[in-house]
Amino acid sequence: MPSIDLDKVLDKAWADKRLPEILAAPVAALKGVSGRDGELLQEAFGVKTVADLADLQYVRWAQALAALEAAK
């Protein structure tokens, strides 16, 4: 089962939350993403939550391209 160190990827206020809460959180819950960044993501792509960001087609395309490169 995959795992992740939540302290490394989430702001402190979110690190102790359950996964459903994290996925429903604003993207600013991610470490390094500001409230303004979240506003810009919402304006540009309609992204409001961490789950929205994960489901964004452009993110998925970029991940697929990176995986292809890594598999060389």
PDB file of N, CA and C in Angstrom:
ATOM      1  N   MET A   1       0.848  -1.178   0.000  1.00  0.00           N
ATOM      2  CA  MET A   1       0.000   0.000   0.000  1.00  0.00           C
ATOM      3  C   MET A   1       0.894   1.241   0.000  1.00  0.00           C
ATOM      4  N   PRO A   2       0.643   2.177  -0.902  1.00  0.00           N
ATOM      5  CA  PRO A   2       1.456   3.394  -0.949  1.00  0.00           C
ATOM      6  C   PRO A   2       1.295   4.222   0.331  1.00  0.00           C
ATOM      7  N   SER A   3       2.350   4.929   0.669  1.00  0.00           N
ATOM      8  CA  SER A   3       2.275   5.821   1.829  1.00  0.00           C
ATOM      9  C   SER A   3       2.992   7.123   1.499  1.00  0.00           C
ATOM     10  N   ILE A   4       2.721   8.130   2.324  1.00  0.00           N
ATOM     11  CA  ILE A   4       3.319   9.445   2.120  1.00  0.00           C
ATOM     12  C   ILE A   4       3.489  10.099   3.486  1.00  0.00           C
ATOM     13  N   ASP A   5       4.555  10.833   3.648  1.00  0.00           N
ATOM     14  CA  ASP A   5       4.786  11.576   4.885  1.00  0.00           C
ATOM     15  C   ASP A   5       3.998  12.877   4.798  1.00  0.00           C
ATOM     16  N   LEU A   6       2.851  12.914   5.460  1.00  0.00           N
ATOM     17  CA  LEU A   6       1.957  14.068   5.349  1.00  0.00           C
ATOM     18  C   LEU A   6       2.595  15.350   5.865  1.00  0.00           C
ATOM     19  N   ASP A   7       3.521  15.245   6.803  1.00  0.00           N
ATOM     20  CA  ASP A   7       4.206  16.435   7.315  1.00  0.00           C
ATOM     21  C   ASP A   7       5.022  17.125   6.225  1.00  0.00           C
ATOM     22  N   LYS A   8       5.423  16.367   5.215  1.00  0.00           N
ATOM     23  CA  LYS A   8       6.233  16.932   4.137  1.00  0.00           C
ATOM     24  C   LYS A   8       5.402  17.581   3.041  1.00  0.00           C
ATOM     25  N   VAL A   9       4.131  17.205   2.934  1.00  0.00           N
ATOM     26  CA  VAL A   9       3.336  17.707   1.821  1.00  0.00           C
ATOM     27  C   VAL A   9       2.163  18.595   2.235  1.00  0.00           C
ATOM     28  N   LEU A  10       1.880  18.657   3.535  1.00  0.00           N
ATOM     29  CA  LEU A  10       0.752  19.454   4.013  1.00  0.00           C
ATOM     30  C   LEU A  10       1.195  20.509   5.004  1.00  0.00           C
ATOM     31  N   ASP A  11       0.472  21.626   5.021  1.00  0.00           N
ATOM     32  CA  ASP A  11       0.674  22.608   6.085  1.00  0.00           C
ATOM     33  C   ASP A  11       0.355  21.937   7.416  1.00  0.00           C
ATOM     34  N   LYS A  12       0.975  22.413   8.470  1.00  0.00           N
ATOM     35  CA  LYS A  12       0.821  21.802   9.797  1.00  0.00           C
ATOM     36  C   LYS A  12      -0.637  21.614  10.207  1.00  0.00           C
ATOM     37  N   ALA A  13      -1.479  22.565   9.890  1.00  0.00           N
ATOM     38  CA  ALA A  13      -2.884  22.498  10.302  1.00  0.00           C
ATOM     39  C   ALA A  13      -3.616  21.311   9.678  1.00  0.00           C
ATOM     40  N   TRP A  14      -3.096  20.762   8.621  1.00  0.00           N
ATOM     41  CA  TRP A  14      -3.767  19.670   7.923  1.00  0.00           C
ATOM     42  C   TRP A  14      -3.107  18.317   8.113  1.00  0.00           C
ATOM     43  N   ALA A  15      -1.911  18.268   8.656  1.00  0.00           N
ATOM     44  CA  ALA A  15      -1.139  17.027   8.730  1.00  0.00           C
ATOM     45  C   ALA A  15      -1.793  15.945   9.585  1.00  0.00           C
ATOM     46  N   ASP A  16      -2.652  16.321  10.521  1.00  0.00           N
ATOM     47  CA  ASP A  16      -3.275  15.313  11.387  1.00  0.00           C
ATOM     48  C   ASP A  16      -4.707  14.979  10.967  1.00  0.00           C
ATOM     49  N   LYS A  17      -5.125  15.477   9.821  1.00  0.00           N
ATOM     50  CA  LYS A  17      -6.490  15.241   9.343  1.00  0.00           C
ATOM     51  C   LYS A  17      -6.582  13.898   8.619  1.00  0.00           C
ATOM     52  N   ARG A  18      -7.791  13.392   8.512  1.00  0.00           N
ATOM     53  CA  ARG A  18      -8.037  12.159   7.783  1.00  0.00           C
ATOM     54  C   ARG A  18      -8.054  12.463   6.283  1.00  0.00           C
ATOM     55  N   LEU A  19      -7.795  11.451   5.490  1.00  0.00           N
ATOM     56  CA  LEU A  19      -7.678  11.627   4.043  1.00  0.00           C
ATOM     57  C   LEU A  19      -8.911  12.287   3.407  1.00  0.00           C
ATOM     58  N   PRO A  20     -10.124  11.905   3.750  1.00  0.00           N
ATOM     59  CA  PRO A  20     -11.275  12.588   3.142  1.00  0.00           C
ATOM     60  C   PRO A  20     -11.293  14.099   3.420  1.00  0.00           C
ATOM     61  N   GLU A  21     -10.870  14.487   4.618  1.00  0.00           N
ATOM     62  CA  GLU A  21     -10.805  15.916   4.953  1.00  0.00           C
ATOM     63  C   GLU A  21      -9.740  16.624   4.123  1.00  0.00           C
ATOM     64  N   ILE A  22      -8.608  15.951   3.950  1.00  0.00           N
ATOM     65  CA  ILE A  22      -7.507  16.533   3.175  1.00  0.00           C
ATOM     66  C   ILE A  22      -7.925  16.713   1.719  1.00  0.00           C
ATOM     67  N   LEU A  23      -8.568  15.721   1.156  1.00  0.00           N
ATOM     68  CA  LEU A  23      -8.996  15.812  -0.244  1.00  0.00           C
ATOM     69  C   LEU A  23     -10.037  16.905  -0.445  1.00  0.00           C
ATOM     70  N   ALA A  24     -10.841  17.173   0.572  1.00  0.00           N
ATOM     71  CA  ALA A  24     -11.860  18.225   0.487  1.00  0.00           C
ATOM     72  C   ALA A  24     -11.310  19.603   0.863  1.00  0.00           C
ATOM     73  N   ALA A  25     -10.064  19.639   1.324  1.00  0.00           N
ATOM     74  CA  ALA A  25      -9.449  20.895   1.766  1.00  0.00           C
ATOM     75  C   ALA A  25      -9.102  21.779   0.575  1.00  0.00           C
ATOM     76  N   PRO A  26      -9.003  23.081   0.820  1.00  0.00           N
ATOM     77  CA  PRO A  26      -8.520  23.971  -0.246  1.00  0.00           C
ATOM     78  C   PRO A  26      -7.082  23.614  -0.611  1.00  0.00           C
ATOM     79  N   VAL A  27      -6.694  23.905  -1.848  1.00  0.00           N
ATOM     80  CA  VAL A  27      -5.347  23.544  -2.299  1.00  0.00           C
ATOM     81  C   VAL A  27      -4.259  24.202  -1.455  1.00  0.00           C
ATOM     82  N   ALA A  28      -4.581  25.280  -0.766  1.00  0.00           N
ATOM     83  CA  ALA A  28      -3.603  25.935   0.113  1.00  0.00           C
ATOM     84  C   ALA A  28      -3.229  25.050   1.304  1.00  0.00           C
ATOM     85  N   ALA A  29      -3.927  23.932   1.492  1.00  0.00           N
ATOM     86  CA  ALA A  29      -3.542  22.973   2.531  1.00  0.00           C
ATOM     87  C   ALA A  29      -2.233  22.277   2.165  1.00  0.00           C
ATOM     88  N   LEU A  30      -1.882  22.300   0.894  1.00  0.00           N
ATOM     89  CA  LEU A  30      -0.616  21.709   0.445  1.00  0.00           C
ATOM     90  C   LEU A  30       0.536  22.649   0.772  1.00  0.00           C
ATOM     91  N   LYS A  31       1.585  22.090   1.304  1.00  0.00           N
ATOM     92  CA  LYS A  31       2.755  22.890   1.662  1.00  0.00           C
ATOM     93  C   LYS A  31       3.289  23.594   0.420  1.00  0.00           C
ATOM     94  N   GLY A  32       3.492  24.885   0.547  1.00  0.00           N
ATOM     95  CA  GLY A  32       4.044  25.668  -0.542  1.00  0.00           C
ATOM     96  C   GLY A  32       3.004  26.295  -1.469  1.00  0.00           C
ATOM     97  N   VAL A  33       1.738  25.966  -1.255  1.00  0.00           N
ATOM     98  CA  VAL A  33       0.665  26.564  -2.065  1.00  0.00           C
ATOM     99  C   VAL A  33      -0.009  27.635  -1.221  1.00  0.00           C
ATOM    100  N   SER A  34       0.046  28.856  -1.681  1.00  0.00           N
ATOM    101  CA  SER A  34      -0.530  29.968  -0.921  1.00  0.00           C
ATOM    102  C   SER A  34      -2.023  30.110  -1.209  1.00  0.00           C
ATOM    103  N   GLY A  35      -2.677  30.901  -0.400  1.00  0.00           N
ATOM    104  CA  GLY A  35      -4.073  31.220  -0.649  1.00  0.00           C
ATOM    105  C   GLY A  35      -4.253  31.864  -2.010  1.00  0.00           C
ATOM    106  N   ARG A  36      -3.328  32.738  -2.376  1.00  0.00           N
ATOM    107  CA  ARG A  36      -3.390  33.389  -3.695  1.00  0.00           C
ATOM    108  C   ARG A  36      -3.212  32.367  -4.815  1.00  0.00           C
ATOM    109  N   ASP A  37      -2.290  31.419  -4.611  1.00  0.00           N
ATOM    110  CA  ASP A  37      -2.128  30.356  -5.608  1.00  0.00           C
ATOM    111  C   ASP A  37      -3.445  29.610  -5.799  1.00  0.00           C
ATOM    112  N   GLY A  38      -4.122  29.337  -4.687  1.00  0.00           N
ATOM    113  CA  GLY A  38      -5.406  28.662  -4.746  1.00  0.00           C
ATOM    114  C   GLY A  38      -6.434  29.462  -5.525  1.00  0.00           C
ATOM    115  N   GLU A  39      -6.450  30.769  -5.302  1.00  0.00           N
ATOM    116  CA  GLU A  39      -7.372  31.634  -6.043  1.00  0.00           C
ATOM    117  C   GLU A  39      -7.086  31.579  -7.539  1.00  0.00           C
ATOM    118  N   LEU A  40      -5.813  31.617  -7.896  1.00  0.00           N
ATOM    119  CA  LEU A  40      -5.431  31.576  -9.308  1.00  0.00           C
ATOM    120  C   LEU A  40      -5.783  30.237  -9.947  1.00  0.00           C
ATOM    121  N   LEU A  41      -5.593  29.139  -9.216  1.00  0.00           N
ATOM    122  CA  LEU A  41      -5.973  27.825  -9.730  1.00  0.00           C
ATOM    123  C   LEU A  41      -7.482  27.745  -9.949  1.00  0.00           C
ATOM    124  N   GLN A  42      -8.230  28.349  -9.034  1.00  0.00           N
ATOM    125  CA  GLN A  42      -9.683  28.344  -9.190  1.00  0.00           C
ATOM    126  C   GLN A  42     -10.094  29.180 -10.406  1.00  0.00           C
ATOM    127  N   GLU A  43      -9.494  30.347 -10.558  1.00  0.00           N
ATOM    128  CA  GLU A  43      -9.820  31.200 -11.705  1.00  0.00           C
ATOM    129  C   GLU A  43      -9.463  30.530 -13.029  1.00  0.00           C
ATOM    130  N   ALA A  44      -8.293  29.922 -13.087  1.00  0.00           N
ATOM    131  CA  ALA A  44      -7.803  29.365 -14.347  1.00  0.00           C
ATOM    132  C   ALA A  44      -8.437  28.018 -14.692  1.00  0.00           C
ATOM    133  N   PHE A  45      -8.625  27.170 -13.683  1.00  0.00           N
ATOM    134  CA  PHE A  45      -9.029  25.791 -13.958  1.00  0.00           C
ATOM    135  C   PHE A  45     -10.246  25.314 -13.177  1.00  0.00           C
ATOM    136  N   GLY A  46     -10.806  26.149 -12.323  1.00  0.00           N
ATOM    137  CA  GLY A  46     -11.947  25.738 -11.518  1.00  0.00           C
ATOM    138  C   GLY A  46     -11.575  24.838 -10.353  1.00  0.00           C
ATOM    139  N   VAL A  47     -10.287  24.810 -10.015  1.00  0.00           N
ATOM    140  CA  VAL A  47      -9.788  23.954  -8.926  1.00  0.00           C
ATOM    141  C   VAL A  47     -10.053  24.630  -7.588  1.00  0.00           C
ATOM    142  N   LYS A  48     -10.791  23.940  -6.714  1.00  0.00           N
ATOM    143  CA  LYS A  48     -11.073  24.469  -5.383  1.00  0.00           C
ATOM    144  C   LYS A  48     -10.441  23.629  -4.276  1.00  0.00           C
ATOM    145  N   THR A  49     -10.325  22.333  -4.511  1.00  0.00           N
ATOM    146  CA  THR A  49      -9.866  21.421  -3.459  1.00  0.00           C
ATOM    147  C   THR A  49      -8.641  20.633  -3.901  1.00  0.00           C
ATOM    148  N   VAL A  50      -8.037  19.958  -2.938  1.00  0.00           N
ATOM    149  CA  VAL A  50      -6.911  19.070  -3.243  1.00  0.00           C
ATOM    150  C   VAL A  50      -7.360  17.998  -4.235  1.00  0.00           C
ATOM    151  N   ALA A  51      -8.559  17.456  -4.035  1.00  0.00           N
ATOM    152  CA  ALA A  51      -9.081  16.439  -4.956  1.00  0.00           C
ATOM    153  C   ALA A  51      -9.255  17.001  -6.366  1.00  0.00           C
ATOM    154  N   ASP A  52      -9.738  18.234  -6.471  1.00  0.00           N
ATOM    155  CA  ASP A  52      -9.880  18.868  -7.792  1.00  0.00           C
ATOM    156  C   ASP A  52      -8.529  18.961  -8.491  1.00  0.00           C
ATOM    157  N   LEU A  53      -7.506  19.339  -7.738  1.00  0.00           N
ATOM    158  CA  LEU A  53      -6.173  19.465  -8.318  1.00  0.00           C
ATOM    159  C   LEU A  53      -5.664  18.105  -8.799  1.00  0.00           C
ATOM    160  N   ALA A  54      -5.871  17.077  -7.980  1.00  0.00           N
ATOM    161  CA  ALA A  54      -5.427  15.730  -8.352  1.00  0.00           C
ATOM    162  C   ALA A  54      -6.141  15.229  -9.597  1.00  0.00           C
ATOM    163  N   ASP A  55      -7.371  15.668  -9.788  1.00  0.00           N
ATOM    164  CA  ASP A  55      -8.180  15.209 -10.908  1.00  0.00           C
ATOM    165  C   ASP A  55      -8.043  16.093 -12.147  1.00  0.00           C
ATOM    166  N   LEU A  56      -7.292  17.154 -12.057  1.00  0.00           N
ATOM    167  CA  LEU A  56      -7.134  18.083 -13.174  1.00  0.00           C
ATOM    168  C   LEU A  56      -6.447  17.373 -14.340  1.00  0.00           C
ATOM    169  N   GLN A  57      -7.072  17.416 -15.501  1.00  0.00           N
ATOM    170  CA  GLN A  57      -6.548  16.673 -16.644  1.00  0.00           C
ATOM    171  C   GLN A  57      -5.121  17.063 -16.992  1.00  0.00           C
ATOM    172  N   TYR A  58      -4.766  18.315 -16.828  1.00  0.00           N
ATOM    173  CA  TYR A  58      -3.407  18.759 -17.177  1.00  0.00           C
ATOM    174  C   TYR A  58      -2.378  18.170 -16.225  1.00  0.00           C
ATOM    175  N   VAL A  59      -2.751  18.015 -14.972  1.00  0.00           N
ATOM    176  CA  VAL A  59      -1.864  17.372 -13.996  1.00  0.00           C
ATOM    177  C   VAL A  59      -1.684  15.910 -14.375  1.00  0.00           C
ATOM    178  N   ARG A  60      -2.769  15.254 -14.729  1.00  0.00           N
ATOM    179  CA  ARG A  60      -2.687  13.838 -15.117  1.00  0.00           C
ATOM    180  C   ARG A  60      -1.837  13.653 -16.373  1.00  0.00           C
ATOM    181  N   TRP A  61      -2.009  14.545 -17.341  1.00  0.00           N
ATOM    182  CA  TRP A  61      -1.196  14.452 -18.553  1.00  0.00           C
ATOM    183  C   TRP A  61       0.282  14.634 -18.233  1.00  0.00           C
ATOM    184  N   ALA A  62       0.596  15.625 -17.417  1.00  0.00           N
ATOM    185  CA  ALA A  62       1.994  15.885 -17.054  1.00  0.00           C
ATOM    186  C   ALA A  62       2.580  14.697 -16.296  1.00  0.00           C
ATOM    187  N   GLN A  63       1.803  14.095 -15.401  1.00  0.00           N
ATOM    188  CA  GLN A  63       2.279  12.924 -14.662  1.00  0.00           C
ATOM    189  C   GLN A  63       2.538  11.750 -15.608  1.00  0.00           C
ATOM    190  N   ALA A  64       1.659  11.556 -16.580  1.00  0.00           N
ATOM    191  CA  ALA A  64       1.835  10.468 -17.533  1.00  0.00           C
ATOM    192  C   ALA A  64       3.087  10.685 -18.368  1.00  0.00           C
ATOM    193  N   LEU A  65       3.311  11.910 -18.813  1.00  0.00           N
ATOM    194  CA  LEU A  65       4.521  12.199 -19.592  1.00  0.00           C
ATOM    195  C   LEU A  65       5.777  11.969 -18.767  1.00  0.00           C
ATOM    196  N   ALA A  66       5.756  12.401 -17.520  1.00  0.00           N
ATOM    197  CA  ALA A  66       6.913  12.210 -16.635  1.00  0.00           C
ATOM    198  C   ALA A  66       7.155  10.725 -16.380  1.00  0.00           C
ATOM    199  N   ALA A  67       6.087   9.947 -16.230  1.00  0.00           N
ATOM    200  CA  ALA A  67       6.226   8.500 -16.008  1.00  0.00           C
ATOM    201  C   ALA A  67       6.828   7.834 -17.234  1.00  0.00           C
ATOM    202  N   LEU A  68       6.420   8.263 -18.427  1.00  0.00           N
ATOM    203  CA  LEU A  68       7.005   7.716 -19.653  1.00  0.00           C
ATOM    204  C   LEU A  68       8.501   7.998 -19.717  1.00  0.00           C
ATOM    205  N   GLU A  69       8.892   9.204 -19.370  1.00  0.00           N
ATOM    206  CA  GLU A  69      10.318   9.575 -19.373  1.00  0.00           C
ATOM    207  C   GLU A  69      11.086   8.746 -18.349  1.00  0.00           C
ATOM    208  N   ALA A  70      10.512   8.570 -17.179  1.00  0.00           N
ATOM    209  CA  ALA A  70      11.184   7.824 -16.106  1.00  0.00           C
ATOM    210  C   ALA A  70      11.328   6.329 -16.460  1.00  0.00           C
ATOM    211  N   ALA A  71      10.430   5.826 -17.292  1.00  0.00           N
ATOM    212  CA  ALA A  71      10.445   4.411 -17.654  1.00  0.00           C
ATOM    213  C   ALA A  71      11.472   4.068 -18.733  1.00  0.00           C
ATOM    214  N   LYS A  72      12.128   5.076 -19.290  1.00  0.00           N
ATOM    215  CA  LYS A  72      13.133   4.856 -20.336  1.00  0.00           C
ATOM    216  C   LYS A  72      14.282   4.022 -19.845  1.00  0.00           C
TER     217      LYS A  72
END
